Structure formats: C-alpha cells, structure tokens
Amino acid sequence: MGIKAALPSYELGFYALVVMCAVVYSGSGIFEASRDNVNRKAFRQSIKPGWHYFGRKMDMADFEWAMWFSSFRNVIIFALSGHVLFAKICSMVLPQNGFVTRTFDLQDVLFYGGSGFTIMRCMSFALENAERKEGIYSIIDLLKYNFYLPFFFFGPIMTFDRFHSQVSTSELRRKDNEMWNIRVHAGLHLGAIVAVDMFFHFFYILTLPADVKFVNRLSDWALAGLAYSNLVYDWVKAAVMFGVINTIARLDHLDPPQPPKCITMLYVFAETHFDRGINDWLCKYVYDHLGETHDNVVKELRATVSTFVVTTLWLGPCEIVYVWSVCNCFGLNFELWVQKFFQREPFASVEANMSEPMSRRIRGIFGAANFWAIVLYNILALNSLDFMLLVTKRLLLTGFPLSTLSIWFITYCGVQLIKERERLLAVEEEKSDKEKAA
C-alpha cells in the first residue's frame, strides 16, 4: 500500500521547504561552533592550516581521507599507467582479459585493507569453484580476479562469478554515450573532492564530536545536524573513492558494483549498505543463502546473526564493532517483526480500507523513526560510543518533547520526499517495461 501513491504537489512543496529551512538552521549552528572554537586547545591536533585564500583553517581529522586525497593524483596516474602498460601485454597472453597486474606493494595492501579484500576474493573463488558443475576454475582465473589492479588496493569487491563472466566476454562493445558518461562521472568525482575540501574549511564536523563536553553545549538542532552530516560525509568519501576506481574499471569494459546508497535515502534497514560490493558478497554467500525469502522470522534471525558475525570478523572484533553489529542486527530483525505484526488483523484490514496516500503518510512516520535509528547505530562506528549516547540522550530524553517531535517531523518530511523520488522511479520503470513488452 502507498508505494506508488502520489501526494499533492503543495504538500510535497511544504515538505521540501521544511527540510531546507531545517538544514540551513542546523548548519548555521555547526558553522558558528566551528568558527568560534577553531583555536580550542582540544582541536589543535585536528585543525590544520588550509588553503590560504579562504583565510580559515581546515578540518583534517579524517586521516584516511587526507591520505587518500593527498595521494589521489599518484593513485590515478599509477592505475591509468598500469592500464596502458599492461593492457597490451595481457591481451597478448590472455586475450579475453582487459589487464591483470602481476606486482603489488605489500605495504599498500596492509595499509589500505587489501589483505581483507584478498580473503573475501579467495573465499568467493573457492565457493564458486565448489558450486561449478563442470570442471573447476584455474589458478590463472584466481590471479586475474584477485590482482586486478584497480580493485586490488581499494575495492570494491565483485563476486567471482560476475567478474569472470565480464572478463571472459570476447566481444567488447561500448554502449551509446558510454565514454561521455565515464567522463562526466570522472568530472563529478573530481568536483566532489574539491567540494569536500572546501567544506572542511567552514564546518569541522569530524573534529567537533571528539570533544563530548563541548558538543554537549550545542543546541539539539546543531547536534542532530552534526550526527547526520558525519554519515553524509562518510557516504561521500566512499562514493568518491569507489567511484574513481569504478570509472577506471569501466574503461576496461567492466560493470563494477554501484557506489553506496546515500544515507539520506535510507529509512529501511534492509537497504542499509554503504559498500554495495561487500553487501553483494554477504547476500550471495550468507544472508540470502540462509534467509531465503526473508519473510520467516526464525530464518531471518539466523541469516542476520550469521551475516553480522562474518562482518564482525572482517571488520576486526572489538567493543565498538560488537555494539555496532548487535544494534544493526537487532534493527534489521525488529523491522521484520513490526512488519509481520502489522500484517495481522485488525491492522491489515484498517490499512486496506484507507486511501493509499494516507497509508504512505503513516508509513512515513515509521520510516522517520527508522532513519534516526540507522543514523544513531552508524555514528557509533564513525565517531564513538560516548558521542552516540550523547546524541541519543539529547534527542530522545532531555530534548523531549519539543526537539524530539520537531526533528521527527522534519525527518518525516524528508522521508516523504525520498518516497516521492522512489515513486517516480517506479512509475518510469513500469512505463519502460510496458514499452519493451509492446
């Protein structure tokens, strides 16, 4: 109910206005806190001199982003040089393959997590080999899969069956306007890197949460915006890092996993995956294998627990990872429990008798609560347990009822805008399917 239900344009316009005003108001609080406390003693290690013509210092708290950004030019030159250098060699040795690197730097493997990716690739290779009915894949297939240069250092993970089918294609053809799209995406990624760098000169979203006592003095609105912006930044970072690598892979006629779904678009736990490659891997070999149709409560519990056990081992067992895994595992199961509960009588009959727009509005209320559960569970991994507990306490306890209900309503407005986008995409896809059938 309500998936393709349309809301009045004036209602959607009101929702957009509310969200825009809330973002500006919350952002102004973060901006003032960043401007007025740039010289705070606790921030000195993270706030560094930035571009001199901005006249402001820069937030450099994210060491991973800073290192990746500073080496961005060398990484791209290295990857593209490898593409040009090895493409001809490997096409002579293995004509069906774009290129395969035969050298790698162990230090880079350890620093960028390549060893973890290698383990997942080897497991994918072994599992696909075990399921193959005729013959087995060769060691050359494994080497091509594991040491494909762009994916090797940064990811994303592509399951072996997808990678093998794509590199084994004998006829390589470009789709219409594919090269133009590749250039556009490359330009967007470069623009995003510059935009993030400029953003860090004015909003110290990574440094502020490190000082919990200081953050506790922020308004509820600024605190909520700070938590939200941390997840948005994490998505941008992953989207750019994977997007750059994916652009290079597309030059090799590969179809890599899509960038992660933006946190703004997430109000359902079942769709919460920041790394689509790892998500595809986990779904194929663990989650879908054990959960099957995902409508049985017991099987879903078994599947989610097993999935998060594997995820915990891959991330590295520690207190924060344990809490993060338990929270997200609970959220995923609780979502199914609530769904099953409201499918029972009398709730099913009540929803069947109401209009689709009203059903969409009611579902949006629950989606708004879900959105903040996803935010709170994941800032735990990005920041700290103390920061997550502070945000939870301020938004749910000390901020109740004014801050709690107002932020919930604003989030509800955002969820309805997301639902409208999903509705338009569903209508467009349905129209496209009918045209193909005709």
Protein backbone atom coordinates (compact mmCIF):
# COMPACT_ATOMS: atom_id res chain seq x y z
CA MET A 1 0.00 0.00 0.00
CA GLY A 2 1.16 3.51 -0.78
CA ILE A 3 4.25 2.58 -2.80
CA LYS A 4 3.01 4.30 -5.96
CA ALA A 5 0.60 6.65 -4.23
CA ALA A 6 1.08 10.31 -5.16
CA LEU A 7 0.77 13.18 -2.70
CA PRO A 8 -0.45 16.68 -3.66
CA SER A 9 2.27 18.91 -5.09
CA TYR A 10 1.60 21.63 -2.48
CA GLU A 11 2.15 19.07 0.30
CA LEU A 12 5.46 17.95 -1.19
CA GLY A 13 6.46 21.60 -1.65
CA PHE A 14 5.78 22.23 2.03
CA TYR A 15 7.89 19.22 3.00
CA ALA A 16 10.77 20.48 0.84
CA LEU A 17 10.58 23.95 2.42
CA VAL A 18 10.63 22.49 5.95
CA VAL A 19 13.64 20.30 5.22
CA MET A 20 15.55 23.14 3.55
CA CYS A 21 14.95 25.52 6.47
CA ALA A 22 15.96 22.85 8.99
CA VAL A 23 19.21 22.07 7.15
CA VAL A 24 20.11 25.79 6.97
CA TYR A 25 19.29 26.35 10.64
CA SER A 26 21.19 23.28 11.81
CA GLY A 27 24.13 24.07 9.53
CA SER A 28 24.36 27.61 10.91
CA GLY A 29 24.81 26.19 14.40
CA ILE A 30 27.63 23.90 13.25
CA PHE A 31 29.24 26.77 11.34
CA GLU A 32 29.20 29.07 14.39
CA ALA A 33 30.64 26.35 16.62
CA SER A 34 33.40 25.72 14.08
CA ARG A 35 34.20 29.43 13.63
CA ASP A 36 34.18 30.39 17.30
CA ASN A 37 36.21 27.44 18.58
CA VAL A 38 38.86 26.98 15.91
CA ASN A 39 41.62 27.75 18.42
CA ARG A 40 40.24 25.49 21.13
CA LYS A 41 43.06 23.52 22.74
CA ALA A 42 41.34 20.16 22.23
CA PHE A 43 41.05 20.84 18.48
CA ARG A 44 44.61 21.90 17.73
CA GLN A 45 45.77 18.46 16.59
CA SER A 46 42.93 18.15 14.06
CA ILE A 47 42.55 21.70 12.73
CA LYS A 48 45.37 22.49 10.32
CA PRO A 49 46.17 25.41 8.00
CA GLY A 50 44.09 25.16 4.84
CA TRP A 51 44.01 26.98 1.53
CA HIS A 52 45.37 30.43 2.37
CA TYR A 53 42.88 32.38 0.23
CA PHE A 54 40.00 31.05 2.34
CA GLY A 55 41.53 32.64 5.41
CA ARG A 56 40.41 29.71 7.55
CA LYS A 57 41.93 26.57 8.98
CA MET A 58 40.81 23.15 7.77
CA ASP A 59 39.40 20.06 9.49
CA MET A 60 41.88 17.24 8.91
CA ALA A 61 40.54 14.78 11.48
CA ASP A 62 39.91 12.03 8.93
CA PHE A 63 43.39 10.60 8.35
CA GLU A 64 42.11 8.12 5.79
CA TRP A 65 40.55 10.83 3.60
CA ALA A 66 43.57 13.11 3.97
CA MET A 67 45.98 10.37 2.94
CA TRP A 68 43.80 9.24 0.06
CA PHE A 69 43.27 12.79 -1.15
CA SER A 70 46.97 13.69 -0.92
CA SER A 71 47.88 10.57 -2.92
CA PHE A 72 44.89 10.86 -5.29
CA ARG A 73 46.95 12.11 -8.23
CA ASN A 74 49.60 9.40 -7.85
CA VAL A 75 46.98 6.67 -7.47
CA ILE A 76 45.15 7.66 -10.65
CA ILE A 77 48.36 8.09 -12.63
CA PHE A 78 49.57 4.70 -11.39
CA ALA A 79 46.29 2.97 -12.21
CA LEU A 80 45.94 4.54 -15.63
CA SER A 81 49.61 3.90 -16.43
CA GLY A 82 49.09 0.28 -15.46
CA HIS A 83 46.06 0.18 -17.71
CA VAL A 84 48.04 1.42 -20.71
CA LEU A 85 51.16 -0.62 -19.94
CA PHE A 86 49.59 -3.96 -19.10
CA ALA A 87 46.57 -3.89 -21.42
CA LYS A 88 48.59 -4.83 -24.48
CA ILE A 89 50.76 -7.38 -22.65
CA CYS A 90 47.82 -9.16 -21.06
CA SER A 91 45.75 -9.05 -24.23
CA MET A 92 48.61 -10.99 -25.86
CA VAL A 93 48.84 -13.52 -23.04
CA LEU A 94 45.16 -13.64 -22.09
CA PRO A 95 43.11 -12.08 -24.92
CA GLN A 96 39.83 -12.20 -23.06
CA ASN A 97 41.10 -10.00 -20.23
CA GLY A 98 41.45 -6.22 -20.07
CA PHE A 99 44.56 -6.26 -17.87
CA VAL A 100 45.94 -8.03 -14.83
CA THR A 101 48.70 -6.75 -12.64
CA ARG A 102 51.39 -9.18 -11.52
CA THR A 103 53.03 -6.90 -9.00
CA PHE A 104 51.84 -5.30 -5.81
CA ASP A 105 53.23 -3.44 -2.83
CA LEU A 106 52.76 -5.31 0.43
CA GLN A 107 52.77 -2.08 2.40
CA ASP A 108 49.86 -0.72 0.35
CA VAL A 109 48.00 -3.99 0.81
CA LEU A 110 48.26 -3.76 4.58
CA PHE A 111 47.55 -0.03 4.75
CA TYR A 112 44.50 0.07 2.51
CA GLY A 113 42.95 -3.19 3.63
CA GLY A 114 43.90 -5.17 0.54
CA SER A 115 44.55 -8.26 2.64
CA GLY A 116 40.92 -8.27 3.82
CA PHE A 117 39.70 -7.91 0.25
CA THR A 118 42.00 -10.75 -0.79
CA ILE A 119 40.46 -13.08 1.79
CA MET A 120 36.94 -12.30 0.55
CA ARG A 121 38.01 -12.78 -3.08
CA CYS A 122 39.61 -16.12 -2.32
CA MET A 123 36.51 -17.26 -0.48
CA SER A 124 34.33 -16.20 -3.40
CA PHE A 125 36.60 -18.09 -5.80
CA ALA A 126 36.52 -21.23 -3.63
CA LEU A 127 32.74 -21.16 -3.19
CA GLU A 128 32.08 -20.62 -6.88
CA ASN A 129 34.51 -23.43 -7.68
CA ALA A 130 32.68 -25.76 -5.31
CA GLU A 131 29.33 -24.97 -6.94
CA ARG A 132 30.55 -25.33 -10.52
CA LYS A 133 29.09 -28.43 -12.15
CA GLU A 134 31.57 -28.85 -14.99
CA GLY A 135 35.29 -28.64 -14.23
CA ILE A 136 36.96 -26.08 -11.99
CA TYR A 137 38.34 -22.61 -12.47
CA SER A 138 42.09 -22.39 -12.95
CA ILE A 139 44.70 -20.64 -10.83
CA ILE A 140 45.02 -18.09 -13.65
CA ASP A 141 41.35 -17.20 -13.13
CA LEU A 142 42.07 -16.60 -9.44
CA LEU A 143 45.11 -14.43 -10.20
CA LYS A 144 43.15 -12.33 -12.67
CA TYR A 145 40.36 -11.92 -10.15
CA ASN A 146 42.47 -11.17 -7.09
CA PHE A 147 45.16 -8.98 -8.62
CA TYR A 148 43.06 -6.85 -10.94
CA LEU A 149 44.82 -3.58 -10.16
CA PRO A 150 42.04 -1.01 -9.54
CA PHE A 151 40.01 -3.30 -7.27
CA PHE A 152 43.03 -4.78 -5.52
CA PHE A 153 44.02 -1.76 -3.44
CA PHE A 154 40.73 -0.04 -2.59
CA GLY A 155 37.93 -2.38 -3.66
CA PRO A 156 35.09 -2.61 -4.35
CA ILE A 157 34.55 -6.33 -4.02
CA MET A 158 32.99 -8.02 -7.02
CA THR A 159 31.90 -11.64 -6.66
CA PHE A 160 33.97 -14.05 -8.72
CA ASP A 161 31.13 -15.22 -10.96
CA ARG A 162 30.34 -11.65 -12.07
CA PHE A 163 33.98 -10.75 -12.60
CA HIS A 164 34.76 -13.94 -14.54
CA SER A 165 31.76 -13.59 -16.85
CA GLN A 166 32.68 -10.00 -17.66
CA VAL A 167 36.40 -10.50 -18.33
CA SER A 168 35.64 -13.62 -20.40
CA THR A 169 33.50 -11.73 -22.88
CA SER A 170 35.13 -11.96 -26.28
CA GLU A 171 33.23 -9.09 -27.93
CA LEU A 172 33.80 -5.79 -26.18
CA ARG A 173 31.45 -3.04 -27.26
CA ARG A 174 30.69 0.35 -25.80
CA LYS A 175 27.12 1.39 -25.16
CA ASP A 176 25.83 4.57 -26.70
CA ASN A 177 27.33 7.63 -24.97
CA GLU A 178 29.23 5.37 -22.54
CA MET A 179 32.52 7.25 -22.90
CA TRP A 180 30.69 10.53 -22.37
CA ASN A 181 29.13 9.16 -19.16
CA ILE A 182 32.54 7.97 -17.96
CA ARG A 183 33.99 11.45 -18.49
CA VAL A 184 31.03 13.05 -16.69
CA HIS A 185 31.41 10.74 -13.70
CA ALA A 186 35.14 11.38 -13.55
CA GLY A 187 34.48 15.12 -13.53
CA LEU A 188 31.85 14.76 -10.80
CA HIS A 189 34.23 12.77 -8.60
CA LEU A 190 36.95 15.37 -9.01
CA GLY A 191 34.44 18.12 -8.21
CA ALA A 192 33.28 16.24 -5.11
CA ILE A 193 36.86 16.02 -3.82
CA VAL A 194 37.35 19.76 -4.20
CA ALA A 195 33.92 20.48 -2.67
CA VAL A 196 34.65 18.34 0.41
CA ASP A 197 38.00 20.06 0.85
CA MET A 198 36.29 23.47 0.71
CA PHE A 199 33.54 22.28 3.09
CA PHE A 200 36.13 21.32 5.73
CA HIS A 201 37.33 24.93 5.87
CA PHE A 202 33.99 26.04 7.33
CA PHE A 203 32.43 23.01 9.07
CA TYR A 204 34.55 20.95 11.44
CA ILE A 205 32.13 18.04 11.53
CA LEU A 206 34.82 15.45 12.25
CA THR A 207 36.69 17.33 14.98
CA LEU A 208 33.70 18.59 16.98
CA PRO A 209 32.38 15.13 18.06
CA ALA A 210 35.81 14.29 19.54
CA ASP A 211 35.16 16.71 22.44
CA VAL A 212 31.98 15.36 24.03
CA LYS A 213 31.88 18.04 26.74
CA PHE A 214 31.98 20.79 24.13
CA VAL A 215 29.43 19.09 21.87
CA ASN A 216 27.06 18.82 24.84
CA ARG A 217 26.79 22.64 24.80
CA LEU A 218 25.48 22.66 21.23
CA SER A 219 21.76 23.04 20.56
CA ASP A 220 19.71 19.93 19.85
CA TRP A 221 19.37 21.04 16.24
CA ALA A 222 23.09 21.51 15.74
CA LEU A 223 23.78 18.19 17.44
CA ALA A 224 21.32 16.36 15.19
CA GLY A 225 22.83 18.05 12.13
CA LEU A 226 26.33 17.10 13.29
CA ALA A 227 25.37 13.42 13.60
CA TYR A 228 23.63 13.44 10.22
CA SER A 229 26.46 15.28 8.42
CA ASN A 230 29.00 12.73 9.68
CA LEU A 231 27.13 9.95 7.91
CA VAL A 232 26.66 12.03 4.77
CA TYR A 233 30.40 12.71 4.68
CA ASP A 234 31.17 9.02 5.13
CA TRP A 235 28.93 8.28 2.15
CA VAL A 236 30.60 10.97 0.03
CA LYS A 237 34.02 9.59 0.91
CA ALA A 238 33.04 6.05 -0.04
CA ALA A 239 31.19 7.19 -3.17
CA VAL A 240 34.21 9.16 -4.41
CA MET A 241 36.81 6.52 -3.56
CA PHE A 242 34.83 3.71 -5.17
CA GLY A 243 33.57 5.98 -7.94
CA VAL A 244 37.08 6.85 -9.12
CA ILE A 245 38.09 3.19 -9.16
CA ASN A 246 34.85 2.19 -10.87
CA THR A 247 35.46 4.78 -13.58
CA ILE A 248 38.81 3.19 -14.35
CA ALA A 249 37.23 -0.29 -14.32
CA ARG A 250 34.57 0.85 -16.77
CA LEU A 251 37.37 1.78 -19.17
CA ASP A 252 38.18 -1.95 -19.05
CA HIS A 253 34.60 -2.83 -20.11
CA LEU A 254 33.68 -3.98 -16.59
CA ASP A 255 30.41 -3.29 -14.81
CA PRO A 256 31.54 -2.79 -11.18
CA PRO A 257 29.22 -2.54 -8.16
CA GLN A 258 27.43 0.78 -7.85
CA PRO A 259 28.55 3.38 -5.28
CA PRO A 260 26.95 3.12 -1.84
CA LYS A 261 23.43 4.37 -1.36
CA CYS A 262 23.32 7.82 0.23
CA ILE A 263 22.42 7.86 3.93
CA THR A 264 19.74 10.46 3.13
CA MET A 265 17.91 7.82 1.09
CA LEU A 266 17.96 5.20 3.84
CA TYR A 267 14.92 4.70 6.03
CA VAL A 268 14.78 0.90 5.73
CA PHE A 269 17.33 -1.34 7.45
CA ALA A 270 17.10 -3.93 4.69
CA GLU A 271 18.57 -1.38 2.24
CA THR A 272 21.34 -0.11 4.52
CA HIS A 273 24.59 -0.95 2.79
CA PHE A 274 27.40 1.57 2.47
CA ASP A 275 29.53 -0.78 0.38
CA ARG A 276 27.48 -2.49 -2.30
CA GLY A 277 30.30 -4.81 -3.28
CA ILE A 278 30.64 -6.28 0.22
CA ASN A 279 26.86 -6.25 0.55
CA ASP A 280 26.53 -8.30 -2.66
CA TRP A 281 29.16 -10.72 -1.34
CA LEU A 282 27.43 -11.14 2.03
CA CYS A 283 23.98 -11.50 0.46
CA LYS A 284 25.11 -14.09 -2.07
CA TYR A 285 27.10 -16.33 0.26
CA VAL A 286 25.49 -15.78 3.69
CA TYR A 287 22.36 -13.63 4.02
CA ASP A 288 20.26 -14.81 1.06
CA HIS A 289 21.59 -18.35 1.35
CA LEU A 290 20.33 -18.70 4.93
CA GLY A 291 17.42 -16.25 4.90
CA GLU A 292 15.94 -17.44 1.59
CA THR A 293 12.82 -15.27 1.01
CA HIS A 294 13.41 -13.20 4.20
CA ASP A 295 9.80 -13.49 5.33
CA ASN A 296 10.32 -16.12 8.01
CA VAL A 297 11.22 -14.67 11.41
CA VAL A 298 13.39 -17.60 12.54
CA LYS A 299 15.29 -17.93 9.25
CA GLU A 300 15.79 -14.17 9.09
CA LEU A 301 17.23 -14.15 12.61
CA ARG A 302 19.62 -16.95 11.72
CA ALA A 303 20.64 -15.22 8.50
CA THR A 304 21.21 -11.79 10.05
CA VAL A 305 23.16 -13.14 13.02
CA SER A 306 25.40 -15.17 10.71
CA THR A 307 25.89 -12.17 8.40
CA PHE A 308 26.91 -9.85 11.19
CA VAL A 309 29.21 -12.47 12.69
CA VAL A 310 31.07 -12.61 9.38
CA THR A 311 31.03 -8.80 9.17
CA THR A 312 32.40 -8.50 12.71
CA LEU A 313 35.26 -10.85 11.91
CA TRP A 314 36.04 -8.92 8.72
CA LEU A 315 35.99 -5.50 10.43
CA GLY A 316 38.05 -6.74 13.36
CA PRO A 317 36.41 -7.81 16.65
CA CYS A 318 36.40 -5.03 19.25
CA GLU A 319 33.89 -3.38 21.58
CA ILE A 320 32.65 -0.78 19.08
CA VAL A 321 32.23 -3.36 16.32
CA TYR A 322 30.35 -5.67 18.69
CA VAL A 323 27.90 -2.93 19.69
CA TRP A 324 27.51 -1.78 16.06
CA SER A 325 26.80 -5.33 14.87
CA VAL A 326 24.29 -6.07 17.63
CA CYS A 327 22.41 -2.80 17.05
CA ASN A 328 22.16 -3.21 13.28
CA CYS A 329 21.29 -6.89 13.57
CA PHE A 330 18.51 -6.01 16.00
CA GLY A 331 17.27 -3.20 13.73
CA LEU A 332 17.06 -5.49 10.73
CA ASN A 333 15.09 -8.12 12.65
CA PHE A 334 12.90 -5.64 14.51
CA GLU A 335 11.89 -4.18 11.16
CA LEU A 336 10.61 -7.60 10.06
CA TRP A 337 8.88 -8.20 13.40
CA VAL A 338 6.99 -4.91 13.14
CA GLN A 339 6.07 -5.67 9.53
CA LYS A 340 4.72 -9.10 10.47
CA PHE A 341 2.83 -7.64 13.43
CA PHE A 342 1.01 -5.02 11.34
CA GLN A 343 0.16 -7.58 8.69
CA ARG A 344 -2.08 -9.28 11.23
CA GLU A 345 -5.67 -8.37 11.98
CA PRO A 346 -7.10 -5.85 12.66
CA PHE A 347 -4.23 -3.73 11.29
CA ALA A 348 -4.29 -5.34 7.83
CA SER A 349 -7.99 -4.55 7.40
CA VAL A 350 -7.56 -1.00 8.66
CA GLU A 351 -4.84 -0.29 6.10
CA ALA A 352 -6.81 -1.97 3.31
CA ASN A 353 -9.73 0.38 3.98
CA MET A 354 -7.69 3.60 4.00
CA SER A 355 -6.54 5.55 0.97
CA GLU A 356 -3.08 4.91 -0.48
CA PRO A 357 -1.82 8.45 0.23
CA MET A 358 -2.83 8.06 3.89
CA SER A 359 -1.08 4.69 4.03
CA ARG A 360 2.02 6.36 2.63
CA ARG A 361 1.85 9.09 5.29
CA ILE A 362 1.56 6.58 8.12
CA ARG A 363 4.43 4.51 6.78
CA GLY A 364 6.46 7.71 6.55
CA ILE A 365 6.08 8.23 10.31
CA PHE A 366 7.63 4.84 11.00
CA GLY A 367 10.25 5.47 8.32
CA ALA A 368 11.34 8.65 10.10
CA ALA A 369 11.93 6.73 13.32
CA ASN A 370 13.82 4.09 11.37
CA PHE A 371 16.00 6.77 9.77
CA TRP A 372 17.26 8.04 13.10
CA ALA A 373 17.83 4.51 14.37
CA ILE A 374 20.09 3.94 11.35
CA VAL A 375 21.89 7.25 12.00
CA LEU A 376 22.45 6.54 15.68
CA TYR A 377 23.64 2.98 15.12
CA ASN A 378 26.16 4.04 12.50
CA ILE A 379 27.62 7.16 14.11
CA LEU A 380 28.71 4.70 16.75
CA ALA A 381 31.15 3.22 14.24
CA LEU A 382 32.15 6.58 12.75
CA ASN A 383 32.71 8.50 15.99
CA SER A 384 32.48 6.95 19.42
CA LEU A 385 30.11 5.28 21.84
CA ASP A 386 30.10 8.41 24.03
CA PHE A 387 29.02 10.62 21.13
CA MET A 388 26.31 8.19 20.10
CA LEU A 389 24.96 8.01 23.67
CA LEU A 390 25.02 11.80 23.95
CA VAL A 391 23.03 12.27 20.74
CA THR A 392 20.55 9.59 21.81
CA LYS A 393 20.07 11.14 25.25
CA ARG A 394 19.63 14.67 23.89
CA LEU A 395 17.21 13.74 21.11
CA LEU A 396 15.09 11.21 22.99
CA LEU A 397 15.23 12.21 26.68
CA THR A 398 16.34 15.75 27.54
CA GLY A 399 15.02 17.10 24.25
CA PHE A 400 11.57 15.57 24.68
CA PRO A 401 9.01 16.62 23.63
CA LEU A 402 9.87 19.76 21.63
CA SER A 403 13.18 18.76 19.98
CA THR A 404 12.24 15.10 19.67
CA LEU A 405 8.92 15.66 17.92
CA SER A 406 10.11 18.56 15.75
CA ILE A 407 13.16 16.65 14.47
CA TRP A 408 10.95 13.61 13.93
CA PHE A 409 8.53 15.73 11.88
CA ILE A 410 11.36 17.19 9.79
CA THR A 411 12.71 13.70 9.17
CA TYR A 412 9.19 12.60 8.19
CA CYS A 413 9.14 15.40 5.59
CA GLY A 414 12.47 14.15 4.23
CA VAL A 415 11.23 10.57 4.07
CA GLN A 416 8.19 11.65 2.06
CA LEU A 417 10.45 13.44 -0.43
CA ILE A 418 12.51 10.26 -0.75
CA LYS A 419 9.34 8.21 -1.22
CA GLU A 420 8.26 10.59 -3.97
CA ARG A 421 11.55 10.04 -5.79
CA GLU A 422 11.12 6.28 -5.43
CA ARG A 423 7.56 6.56 -6.73
CA LEU A 424 8.68 8.45 -9.83
CA LEU A 425 11.41 5.89 -10.50
CA ALA A 426 8.92 3.04 -10.09
CA VAL A 427 6.46 4.69 -12.49
CA GLU A 428 9.22 5.32 -15.02
CA GLU A 429 10.45 1.73 -14.75
CA GLU A 430 6.91 0.38 -15.20
CA LYS A 431 6.44 2.57 -18.26
CA SER A 432 9.74 1.35 -19.72
CA ASP A 433 8.76 -2.30 -19.16
CA LYS A 434 5.44 -1.77 -20.95
CA GLU A 435 7.20 -0.16 -23.92
CA LYS A 436 9.62 -3.10 -24.16
CA ALA A 437 6.74 -5.60 -23.96
CA ALA A 438 4.89 -3.77 -26.72
